Amino acid sequence: MLDEPSLLGVFYGSMLKSPSAPASGWFLSRGRLVGFLALALAALPAGTACEDKAIGRPCQLKDEITAVQGAYTVQASDCPSRICVKPNVQAGVSTDLDTVAYCTAQCSSDDDCGGQTRDSSNQNDKRCRKGFSCAPIFGKGKLCCTKLCLCRDFFSAAVGPAIPDECNGDAGVTCS
């Protein structure tokens, strides 16, 4: 048995002690208990909800680029992360790829990259077909060696995304 009240007991005592309660005990009315529990339960969903990063949502790049070129912007107001990207198409991938630029976000692993994919029944839907992987693809600029959620449509499944030399730790090259 503890000689001093626990921290939790002190908290409850300071918040819920009733002026009419006996000096030696704690008083908790049913109304206060229900109110306290309702407040605690109302706060629970806010702390456990997942943030929608809108990975895969179509977005607009400021520059005109060809189908095989890669580009990004870090000022995309239509993306929660502000990052809109269109990777370059790797060798061996069809150059008639119709996947458009999309919102992405920083990641640590493929598990961080759940996102919106194409509705195959809608021929106007130009979102990613094959899902997303986490990797760095830019060796220069603001996103140099930053791991991003990348649409697998742009690279060969057998090869994976091309990692720039700057992003390989043993290459001796650094981001500029």
N, C-alpha and C. Protein backbone atom coordinates (compact mmCIF):
# COMPACT_ATOMS: atom_id res chain seq x y z
N MET A 1 0.84 -1.18 0.00
CA MET A 1 0.00 0.00 0.00
C MET A 1 0.89 1.24 0.00
N LEU A 2 0.48 2.26 -0.75
CA LEU A 2 1.25 3.50 -0.86
C LEU A 2 0.90 4.45 0.27
N ASP A 3 1.92 5.13 0.80
CA ASP A 3 1.68 6.11 1.86
C ASP A 3 1.19 7.42 1.28
N GLU A 4 1.64 7.76 0.07
CA GLU A 4 1.25 9.02 -0.56
C GLU A 4 0.28 8.73 -1.69
N PRO A 5 -0.61 9.68 -2.01
CA PRO A 5 -1.53 9.45 -3.12
C PRO A 5 -0.77 9.38 -4.44
N SER A 6 -1.26 8.56 -5.34
CA SER A 6 -0.63 8.46 -6.65
C SER A 6 -0.87 9.73 -7.45
N LEU A 7 -0.09 9.92 -8.49
CA LEU A 7 -0.26 11.09 -9.35
C LEU A 7 -1.67 11.12 -9.92
N LEU A 8 -2.17 9.96 -10.33
CA LEU A 8 -3.52 9.89 -10.87
C LEU A 8 -4.54 10.30 -9.81
N GLY A 9 -4.33 9.84 -8.58
CA GLY A 9 -5.24 10.20 -7.49
C GLY A 9 -5.21 11.69 -7.22
N VAL A 10 -4.03 12.30 -7.28
CA VAL A 10 -3.92 13.74 -7.08
C VAL A 10 -4.66 14.47 -8.19
N PHE A 11 -4.50 14.00 -9.45
CA PHE A 11 -5.20 14.62 -10.57
C PHE A 11 -6.71 14.54 -10.38
N TYR A 12 -7.19 13.34 -10.11
CA TYR A 12 -8.64 13.18 -9.92
C TYR A 12 -9.11 13.99 -8.73
N GLY A 13 -8.31 14.03 -7.68
CA GLY A 13 -8.70 14.77 -6.49
C GLY A 13 -8.81 16.25 -6.76
N SER A 14 -7.84 16.80 -7.47
CA SER A 14 -7.87 18.23 -7.74
C SER A 14 -8.99 18.60 -8.70
N MET A 15 -9.35 17.70 -9.60
CA MET A 15 -10.36 17.99 -10.60
C MET A 15 -11.76 17.65 -10.13
N LEU A 16 -11.89 16.64 -9.28
CA LEU A 16 -13.22 16.11 -9.01
C LEU A 16 -13.62 16.11 -7.54
N LYS A 17 -12.83 16.68 -6.67
CA LYS A 17 -13.16 16.68 -5.26
C LYS A 17 -14.36 17.58 -5.02
N SER A 18 -15.28 17.10 -4.29
CA SER A 18 -16.51 17.84 -4.02
C SER A 18 -16.39 18.56 -2.68
N PRO A 19 -16.90 19.80 -2.60
CA PRO A 19 -16.85 20.51 -1.32
C PRO A 19 -17.63 19.77 -0.24
N SER A 20 -18.61 18.99 -0.64
CA SER A 20 -19.42 18.28 0.35
C SER A 20 -18.88 16.90 0.66
N ALA A 21 -17.78 16.50 0.01
CA ALA A 21 -17.22 15.18 0.24
C ALA A 21 -16.47 15.16 1.56
N PRO A 22 -16.39 14.01 2.21
CA PRO A 22 -15.64 13.91 3.46
C PRO A 22 -14.17 14.24 3.21
N ALA A 23 -13.49 14.79 4.17
CA ALA A 23 -12.11 15.22 4.03
C ALA A 23 -11.18 14.07 3.72
N SER A 24 -11.52 12.86 4.10
CA SER A 24 -10.61 11.74 3.92
C SER A 24 -10.81 10.99 2.61
N GLY A 25 -11.79 11.34 1.79
CA GLY A 25 -12.04 10.56 0.58
C GLY A 25 -12.29 11.42 -0.63
N TRP A 26 -12.48 10.76 -1.74
CA TRP A 26 -12.74 11.42 -3.01
C TRP A 26 -14.20 11.23 -3.34
N PHE A 27 -14.79 12.23 -3.89
CA PHE A 27 -16.20 12.14 -4.27
C PHE A 27 -16.30 12.33 -5.77
N LEU A 28 -16.97 11.43 -6.46
CA LEU A 28 -17.14 11.52 -7.90
C LEU A 28 -18.60 11.28 -8.20
N SER A 29 -19.28 12.32 -8.58
CA SER A 29 -20.70 12.17 -8.89
C SER A 29 -20.87 11.44 -10.21
N ARG A 30 -21.98 10.83 -10.39
CA ARG A 30 -22.26 10.11 -11.62
C ARG A 30 -22.20 11.07 -12.81
N GLY A 31 -22.73 12.26 -12.70
CA GLY A 31 -22.71 13.24 -13.79
C GLY A 31 -21.30 13.63 -14.18
N ARG A 32 -20.43 13.83 -13.18
CA ARG A 32 -19.05 14.18 -13.47
C ARG A 32 -18.32 13.02 -14.14
N LEU A 33 -18.58 11.80 -13.68
CA LEU A 33 -17.95 10.63 -14.27
C LEU A 33 -18.37 10.48 -15.73
N VAL A 34 -19.65 10.61 -16.01
CA VAL A 34 -20.15 10.50 -17.39
C VAL A 34 -19.55 11.60 -18.24
N GLY A 35 -19.50 12.82 -17.74
CA GLY A 35 -18.91 13.94 -18.49
C GLY A 35 -17.44 13.72 -18.78
N PHE A 36 -16.70 13.23 -17.77
CA PHE A 36 -15.28 12.96 -17.95
C PHE A 36 -15.05 11.87 -18.98
N LEU A 37 -15.80 10.80 -18.91
CA LEU A 37 -15.67 9.70 -19.87
C LEU A 37 -16.06 10.14 -21.28
N ALA A 38 -17.11 10.94 -21.41
CA ALA A 38 -17.53 11.43 -22.72
C ALA A 38 -16.44 12.29 -23.35
N LEU A 39 -15.83 13.14 -22.55
CA LEU A 39 -14.75 13.99 -23.04
C LEU A 39 -13.55 13.14 -23.47
N ALA A 40 -13.20 12.14 -22.68
CA ALA A 40 -12.08 11.27 -23.02
C ALA A 40 -12.36 10.50 -24.30
N LEU A 41 -13.56 9.98 -24.47
CA LEU A 41 -13.91 9.23 -25.67
C LEU A 41 -13.98 10.13 -26.90
N ALA A 42 -14.42 11.37 -26.74
CA ALA A 42 -14.49 12.30 -27.87
C ALA A 42 -13.10 12.64 -28.38
N ALA A 43 -12.12 12.69 -27.50
CA ALA A 43 -10.75 13.02 -27.90
C ALA A 43 -10.05 11.83 -28.54
N LEU A 44 -10.49 10.63 -28.30
CA LEU A 44 -9.84 9.44 -28.81
C LEU A 44 -9.75 9.38 -30.33
N PRO A 45 -10.81 9.58 -31.12
CA PRO A 45 -10.68 9.48 -32.58
C PRO A 45 -9.70 10.49 -33.16
N ALA A 46 -9.59 11.67 -32.58
CA ALA A 46 -8.68 12.67 -33.12
C ALA A 46 -7.23 12.21 -33.01
N GLY A 47 -6.91 11.47 -31.98
CA GLY A 47 -5.55 11.02 -31.79
C GLY A 47 -5.21 9.77 -32.58
N THR A 48 -6.22 9.02 -33.04
CA THR A 48 -5.95 7.77 -33.73
C THR A 48 -6.24 7.82 -35.22
N ALA A 49 -6.79 8.91 -35.71
CA ALA A 49 -7.14 9.00 -37.13
C ALA A 49 -5.88 9.12 -37.98
N CYS A 50 -5.90 8.51 -39.16
CA CYS A 50 -4.78 8.61 -40.09
C CYS A 50 -4.95 9.85 -40.96
N GLU A 51 -3.86 10.52 -41.20
CA GLU A 51 -3.88 11.70 -42.05
C GLU A 51 -4.00 11.26 -43.51
N ASP A 52 -4.91 11.89 -44.26
CA ASP A 52 -5.03 11.59 -45.68
C ASP A 52 -4.00 12.44 -46.42
N LYS A 53 -2.97 11.79 -46.94
CA LYS A 53 -1.91 12.49 -47.66
C LYS A 53 -2.24 12.64 -49.14
N ALA A 54 -3.36 12.09 -49.58
CA ALA A 54 -3.83 12.20 -50.97
C ALA A 54 -2.81 11.66 -51.97
N ILE A 55 -2.03 10.68 -51.56
CA ILE A 55 -1.04 10.09 -52.47
C ILE A 55 -1.78 9.51 -53.67
N GLY A 56 -1.35 9.91 -54.85
CA GLY A 56 -1.96 9.44 -56.08
C GLY A 56 -2.99 10.37 -56.68
N ARG A 57 -3.42 11.38 -55.94
CA ARG A 57 -4.38 12.35 -56.48
C ARG A 57 -3.72 13.13 -57.61
N PRO A 58 -4.38 13.27 -58.76
CA PRO A 58 -3.79 14.06 -59.85
C PRO A 58 -3.53 15.50 -59.40
N CYS A 59 -2.43 16.07 -59.90
CA CYS A 59 -2.08 17.44 -59.57
C CYS A 59 -1.42 18.09 -60.79
N GLN A 60 -1.20 19.38 -60.70
CA GLN A 60 -0.65 20.13 -61.83
C GLN A 60 0.79 20.56 -61.56
N LEU A 61 1.65 20.26 -62.53
CA LEU A 61 3.01 20.77 -62.50
C LEU A 61 3.02 22.11 -63.23
N LYS A 62 3.89 23.00 -62.85
CA LYS A 62 3.92 24.31 -63.49
C LYS A 62 4.57 24.28 -64.86
N ASP A 63 5.49 23.36 -65.08
CA ASP A 63 6.20 23.29 -66.35
C ASP A 63 5.57 22.26 -67.27
N GLU A 64 5.64 22.51 -68.55
CA GLU A 64 5.22 21.52 -69.55
C GLU A 64 6.36 20.52 -69.70
N ILE A 65 6.06 19.26 -69.61
CA ILE A 65 7.08 18.23 -69.75
C ILE A 65 6.60 17.17 -70.72
N THR A 66 7.55 16.46 -71.30
CA THR A 66 7.19 15.39 -72.24
C THR A 66 6.78 14.15 -71.44
N ALA A 67 6.26 13.18 -72.14
CA ALA A 67 5.77 11.96 -71.49
C ALA A 67 6.88 11.20 -70.76
N VAL A 68 8.11 11.28 -71.23
CA VAL A 68 9.19 10.50 -70.61
C VAL A 68 10.01 11.30 -69.60
N GLN A 69 9.85 12.61 -69.53
CA GLN A 69 10.60 13.44 -68.60
C GLN A 69 10.03 13.33 -67.19
N GLY A 70 10.89 13.60 -66.22
CA GLY A 70 10.47 13.67 -64.83
C GLY A 70 10.49 15.10 -64.34
N ALA A 71 9.61 15.43 -63.41
CA ALA A 71 9.56 16.77 -62.84
C ALA A 71 8.82 16.73 -61.51
N TYR A 72 8.99 17.80 -60.73
CA TYR A 72 8.24 17.92 -59.49
C TYR A 72 8.10 19.38 -59.12
N THR A 73 7.19 19.65 -58.20
CA THR A 73 7.09 20.95 -57.56
C THR A 73 6.83 20.72 -56.08
N VAL A 74 7.34 21.61 -55.25
CA VAL A 74 7.10 21.53 -53.82
C VAL A 74 6.15 22.65 -53.39
N GLN A 75 5.42 23.19 -54.36
CA GLN A 75 4.46 24.27 -54.09
C GLN A 75 3.08 23.94 -54.65
N ALA A 76 2.72 22.66 -54.68
CA ALA A 76 1.44 22.23 -55.24
C ALA A 76 0.33 22.44 -54.21
N SER A 77 -0.48 23.45 -54.43
CA SER A 77 -1.55 23.75 -53.47
C SER A 77 -2.63 22.67 -53.47
N ASP A 78 -2.69 21.83 -54.51
CA ASP A 78 -3.70 20.78 -54.55
C ASP A 78 -3.25 19.49 -53.85
N CYS A 79 -2.06 19.50 -53.22
CA CYS A 79 -1.55 18.33 -52.50
C CYS A 79 -1.31 18.69 -51.03
N PRO A 80 -1.79 17.87 -50.08
CA PRO A 80 -1.55 18.17 -48.66
C PRO A 80 -0.07 18.30 -48.32
N SER A 81 0.79 17.51 -48.95
CA SER A 81 2.23 17.59 -48.70
C SER A 81 2.89 18.73 -49.48
N ARG A 82 2.14 19.29 -50.42
CA ARG A 82 2.61 20.33 -51.35
C ARG A 82 3.56 19.77 -52.42
N ILE A 83 3.72 18.43 -52.48
CA ILE A 83 4.63 17.81 -53.44
C ILE A 83 3.83 17.14 -54.55
N CYS A 84 4.02 17.62 -55.78
CA CYS A 84 3.43 17.03 -56.97
C CYS A 84 4.60 16.50 -57.80
N VAL A 85 4.50 15.26 -58.27
CA VAL A 85 5.63 14.64 -58.95
C VAL A 85 5.17 13.85 -60.17
N LYS A 86 6.03 13.80 -61.17
CA LYS A 86 5.87 12.91 -62.31
C LYS A 86 7.26 12.37 -62.60
N PRO A 87 7.52 11.12 -62.19
CA PRO A 87 8.86 10.56 -62.43
C PRO A 87 9.13 10.40 -63.92
N ASN A 88 10.42 10.36 -64.27
CA ASN A 88 10.74 10.05 -65.66
C ASN A 88 10.45 8.57 -65.90
N VAL A 89 10.14 8.22 -67.13
CA VAL A 89 9.82 6.84 -67.49
C VAL A 89 11.14 6.10 -67.71
N GLN A 90 11.35 5.02 -66.99
CA GLN A 90 12.57 4.24 -67.13
C GLN A 90 12.60 3.47 -68.43
N ALA A 91 13.80 3.16 -68.86
CA ALA A 91 13.98 2.31 -70.05
C ALA A 91 13.28 0.98 -69.81
N GLY A 92 12.64 0.47 -70.82
CA GLY A 92 11.93 -0.79 -70.71
C GLY A 92 10.45 -0.64 -70.36
N VAL A 93 10.05 0.59 -70.02
CA VAL A 93 8.64 0.87 -69.72
C VAL A 93 8.05 1.56 -70.94
N SER A 94 6.84 1.21 -71.28
CA SER A 94 6.18 1.78 -72.45
C SER A 94 6.18 3.30 -72.40
N THR A 95 6.57 3.94 -73.49
CA THR A 95 6.59 5.40 -73.55
C THR A 95 5.22 6.00 -73.81
N ASP A 96 4.21 5.16 -74.06
CA ASP A 96 2.86 5.70 -74.23
C ASP A 96 2.09 5.67 -72.91
N LEU A 97 2.82 5.68 -71.81
CA LEU A 97 2.24 5.70 -70.47
C LEU A 97 1.35 6.93 -70.32
N ASP A 98 0.12 6.73 -69.87
CA ASP A 98 -0.80 7.86 -69.74
C ASP A 98 -1.05 8.27 -68.30
N THR A 99 -0.23 7.82 -67.37
CA THR A 99 -0.38 8.21 -65.97
C THR A 99 0.09 9.66 -65.81
N VAL A 100 -0.71 10.46 -65.13
CA VAL A 100 -0.43 11.89 -64.97
C VAL A 100 0.37 12.16 -63.70
N ALA A 101 0.82 13.41 -63.56
CA ALA A 101 1.49 13.84 -62.33
C ALA A 101 0.53 13.64 -61.16
N TYR A 102 1.10 13.35 -59.98
CA TYR A 102 0.26 13.01 -58.83
C TYR A 102 0.86 13.56 -57.54
N CYS A 103 0.01 13.70 -56.55
CA CYS A 103 0.44 14.11 -55.22
C CYS A 103 1.22 12.96 -54.58
N THR A 104 2.27 13.31 -53.88
CA THR A 104 3.05 12.31 -53.16
C THR A 104 3.41 12.87 -51.79
N ALA A 105 4.12 12.08 -51.01
CA ALA A 105 4.55 12.49 -49.68
C ALA A 105 5.83 11.77 -49.33
N GLN A 106 6.55 12.29 -48.36
CA GLN A 106 7.75 11.63 -47.90
C GLN A 106 7.37 10.32 -47.21
N CYS A 107 8.28 9.36 -47.24
CA CYS A 107 7.99 8.04 -46.68
C CYS A 107 9.26 7.42 -46.11
N SER A 108 9.08 6.36 -45.35
CA SER A 108 10.19 5.57 -44.83
C SER A 108 10.21 4.19 -45.45
N SER A 109 9.02 3.68 -45.80
CA SER A 109 8.90 2.34 -46.39
C SER A 109 7.67 2.28 -47.28
N ASP A 110 7.53 1.20 -48.03
CA ASP A 110 6.37 1.02 -48.90
C ASP A 110 5.06 1.06 -48.10
N ASP A 111 5.11 0.67 -46.83
CA ASP A 111 3.91 0.67 -46.00
C ASP A 111 3.34 2.07 -45.81
N ASP A 112 4.15 3.10 -45.99
CA ASP A 112 3.70 4.49 -45.85
C ASP A 112 2.99 5.00 -47.11
N CYS A 113 2.93 4.18 -48.15
CA CYS A 113 2.54 4.67 -49.47
C CYS A 113 1.20 4.15 -49.98
N GLY A 114 0.26 3.94 -49.12
CA GLY A 114 -1.09 3.60 -49.61
C GLY A 114 -1.66 4.83 -50.29
N GLY A 115 -2.27 4.65 -51.44
CA GLY A 115 -2.77 5.83 -52.15
C GLY A 115 -3.86 5.51 -53.13
N GLN A 116 -4.32 6.55 -53.79
CA GLN A 116 -5.37 6.43 -54.80
C GLN A 116 -4.82 5.79 -56.06
N THR A 117 -5.54 4.82 -56.58
CA THR A 117 -5.15 4.21 -57.84
C THR A 117 -6.29 4.29 -58.84
N ARG A 118 -5.97 3.97 -60.05
CA ARG A 118 -6.88 4.10 -61.18
C ARG A 118 -8.11 3.22 -61.06
N ASP A 119 -9.24 3.78 -61.47
CA ASP A 119 -10.49 3.03 -61.61
C ASP A 119 -10.50 2.50 -63.04
N SER A 120 -10.24 1.21 -63.21
CA SER A 120 -10.09 0.64 -64.56
C SER A 120 -11.37 0.71 -65.38
N SER A 121 -12.51 0.93 -64.74
CA SER A 121 -13.76 1.05 -65.49
C SER A 121 -13.98 2.46 -66.03
N ASN A 122 -13.12 3.40 -65.64
CA ASN A 122 -13.23 4.79 -66.08
C ASN A 122 -12.06 5.12 -67.02
N GLN A 123 -12.31 5.20 -68.31
CA GLN A 123 -11.23 5.44 -69.28
C GLN A 123 -10.62 6.83 -69.16
N ASN A 124 -11.26 7.76 -68.45
CA ASN A 124 -10.70 9.09 -68.25
C ASN A 124 -9.83 9.20 -67.01
N ASP A 125 -9.80 8.15 -66.21
CA ASP A 125 -9.00 8.14 -64.99
C ASP A 125 -7.54 7.89 -65.37
N LYS A 126 -6.66 8.83 -65.05
CA LYS A 126 -5.23 8.74 -65.42
C LYS A 126 -4.33 8.60 -64.20
N ARG A 127 -4.91 8.13 -63.08
CA ARG A 127 -4.10 7.91 -61.88
C ARG A 127 -3.24 6.66 -62.05
N CYS A 128 -2.40 6.41 -61.08
CA CYS A 128 -1.47 5.28 -61.06
C CYS A 128 -2.23 3.95 -61.13
N ARG A 129 -1.73 3.02 -61.92
CA ARG A 129 -2.35 1.69 -62.07
C ARG A 129 -1.82 0.67 -61.07
N LYS A 130 -0.51 0.70 -60.81
CA LYS A 130 0.17 -0.41 -60.13
C LYS A 130 0.49 -0.18 -58.66
N GLY A 131 0.04 0.90 -58.07
CA GLY A 131 0.35 1.17 -56.67
C GLY A 131 1.66 1.93 -56.52
N PHE A 132 2.16 2.00 -55.28
CA PHE A 132 3.27 2.90 -54.95
C PHE A 132 4.38 2.19 -54.18
N SER A 133 5.61 2.69 -54.38
CA SER A 133 6.80 2.24 -53.65
C SER A 133 7.50 3.45 -53.08
N CYS A 134 8.27 3.24 -52.04
CA CYS A 134 9.00 4.31 -51.37
C CYS A 134 10.46 4.29 -51.81
N ALA A 135 10.94 5.38 -52.41
CA ALA A 135 12.34 5.47 -52.86
C ALA A 135 12.69 6.91 -53.21
N PRO A 136 13.97 7.25 -53.18
CA PRO A 136 14.40 8.56 -53.68
C PRO A 136 14.59 8.47 -55.20
N ILE A 137 14.19 9.51 -55.94
CA ILE A 137 14.42 9.49 -57.39
C ILE A 137 15.08 10.76 -57.91
N PHE A 138 15.21 11.75 -57.05
CA PHE A 138 15.84 12.99 -57.50
C PHE A 138 17.18 13.16 -56.81
N GLY A 139 18.24 13.42 -57.61
CA GLY A 139 19.59 13.59 -57.09
C GLY A 139 20.00 15.04 -57.00
N LYS A 140 19.07 15.95 -57.23
CA LYS A 140 19.36 17.39 -57.16
C LYS A 140 18.12 18.12 -56.67
N GLY A 141 18.33 19.33 -56.20
CA GLY A 141 17.22 20.19 -55.83
C GLY A 141 16.68 19.94 -54.43
N LYS A 142 15.53 20.52 -54.15
CA LYS A 142 14.93 20.47 -52.82
C LYS A 142 14.57 19.07 -52.36
N LEU A 143 14.32 18.16 -53.30
CA LEU A 143 13.96 16.79 -52.95
C LEU A 143 15.12 15.81 -53.13
N CYS A 144 16.35 16.34 -53.15
CA CYS A 144 17.52 15.49 -53.35
C CYS A 144 17.57 14.39 -52.30
N CYS A 145 17.52 13.16 -52.77
CA CYS A 145 17.60 11.94 -51.95
C CYS A 145 16.48 11.81 -50.92
N THR A 146 15.41 12.55 -51.10
CA THR A 146 14.24 12.41 -50.23
C THR A 146 13.43 11.22 -50.71
N LYS A 147 13.12 10.31 -49.80
CA LYS A 147 12.29 9.16 -50.17
C LYS A 147 10.85 9.64 -50.32
N LEU A 148 10.26 9.29 -51.47
CA LEU A 148 8.89 9.68 -51.80
C LEU A 148 8.09 8.45 -52.20
N CYS A 149 6.78 8.54 -52.07
CA CYS A 149 5.89 7.49 -52.57
C CYS A 149 5.81 7.66 -54.09
N LEU A 150 6.27 6.63 -54.81
CA LEU A 150 6.38 6.71 -56.27
C LEU A 150 5.46 5.71 -56.94
N CYS A 151 4.78 6.15 -57.98
CA CYS A 151 3.90 5.28 -58.76
C CYS A 151 4.74 4.25 -59.51
N ARG A 152 4.39 2.99 -59.34
CA ARG A 152 5.14 1.91 -59.98
C ARG A 152 4.95 1.85 -61.50
N ASP A 153 4.00 2.62 -62.04
CA ASP A 153 3.79 2.65 -63.49
C ASP A 153 5.04 3.14 -64.23
N PHE A 154 5.86 3.95 -63.58
CA PHE A 154 6.98 4.62 -64.23
C PHE A 154 8.27 3.81 -64.25
N PHE A 155 8.30 2.67 -63.55
CA PHE A 155 9.52 1.87 -63.55
C PHE A 155 9.20 0.38 -63.68
N SER A 156 10.19 -0.36 -64.09
CA SER A 156 10.06 -1.80 -64.29
C SER A 156 9.97 -2.51 -62.94
N ALA A 157 9.02 -3.43 -62.82
CA ALA A 157 8.88 -4.19 -61.57
C ALA A 157 10.13 -5.01 -61.29
N ALA A 158 10.80 -5.47 -62.33
CA ALA A 158 12.00 -6.30 -62.15
C ALA A 158 13.19 -5.47 -61.65
N VAL A 159 13.23 -4.19 -62.01
CA VAL A 159 14.37 -3.34 -61.67
C VAL A 159 14.06 -2.44 -60.47
N GLY A 160 12.86 -1.94 -60.38
CA GLY A 160 12.50 -0.99 -59.33
C GLY A 160 12.91 0.42 -59.71
N PRO A 161 12.63 1.38 -58.86
CA PRO A 161 12.99 2.77 -59.18
C PRO A 161 14.51 2.94 -59.26
N ALA A 162 14.94 3.77 -60.18
CA ALA A 162 16.38 4.05 -60.33
C ALA A 162 16.79 5.04 -59.24
N ILE A 163 17.69 4.61 -58.37
CA ILE A 163 18.17 5.46 -57.29
C ILE A 163 19.35 6.27 -57.81
N PRO A 164 19.30 7.60 -57.70
CA PRO A 164 20.42 8.43 -58.18
C PRO A 164 21.71 8.12 -57.42
N ASP A 165 22.84 8.28 -58.09
CA ASP A 165 24.14 8.03 -57.46
C ASP A 165 24.31 8.84 -56.18
N GLU A 166 23.81 10.07 -56.17
CA GLU A 166 23.92 10.93 -55.00
C GLU A 166 23.28 10.31 -53.76
N CYS A 167 22.35 9.42 -53.98
CA CYS A 167 21.59 8.84 -52.86
C CYS A 167 22.13 7.50 -52.40
N ASN A 168 23.15 7.01 -53.06
CA ASN A 168 23.82 5.77 -52.62
C ASN A 168 24.95 6.18 -51.69
N GLY A 169 24.89 5.73 -50.45
CA GLY A 169 25.85 6.14 -49.43
C GLY A 169 27.30 5.88 -49.78
N ASP A 170 27.57 4.84 -50.54
CA ASP A 170 28.96 4.49 -50.85
C ASP A 170 29.45 5.14 -52.14
N ALA A 171 28.64 5.95 -52.79
CA ALA A 171 29.04 6.56 -54.07
C ALA A 171 30.00 7.73 -53.88
N GLY A 172 30.04 8.32 -52.70
CA GLY A 172 30.93 9.45 -52.45
C GLY A 172 30.42 10.74 -53.06
N VAL A 173 29.20 10.75 -53.57
CA VAL A 173 28.60 11.93 -54.17
C VAL A 173 27.57 12.48 -53.18
N THR A 174 27.39 13.79 -53.16
CA THR A 174 26.42 14.37 -52.23
C THR A 174 25.39 15.19 -53.01
N CYS A 175 24.31 15.45 -52.35
CA CYS A 175 23.25 16.26 -52.97
C CYS A 175 23.73 17.69 -53.15
N SER A 176 23.26 18.30 -54.23
CA SER A 176 23.64 19.69 -54.47
C SER A 176 22.41 20.53 -54.63
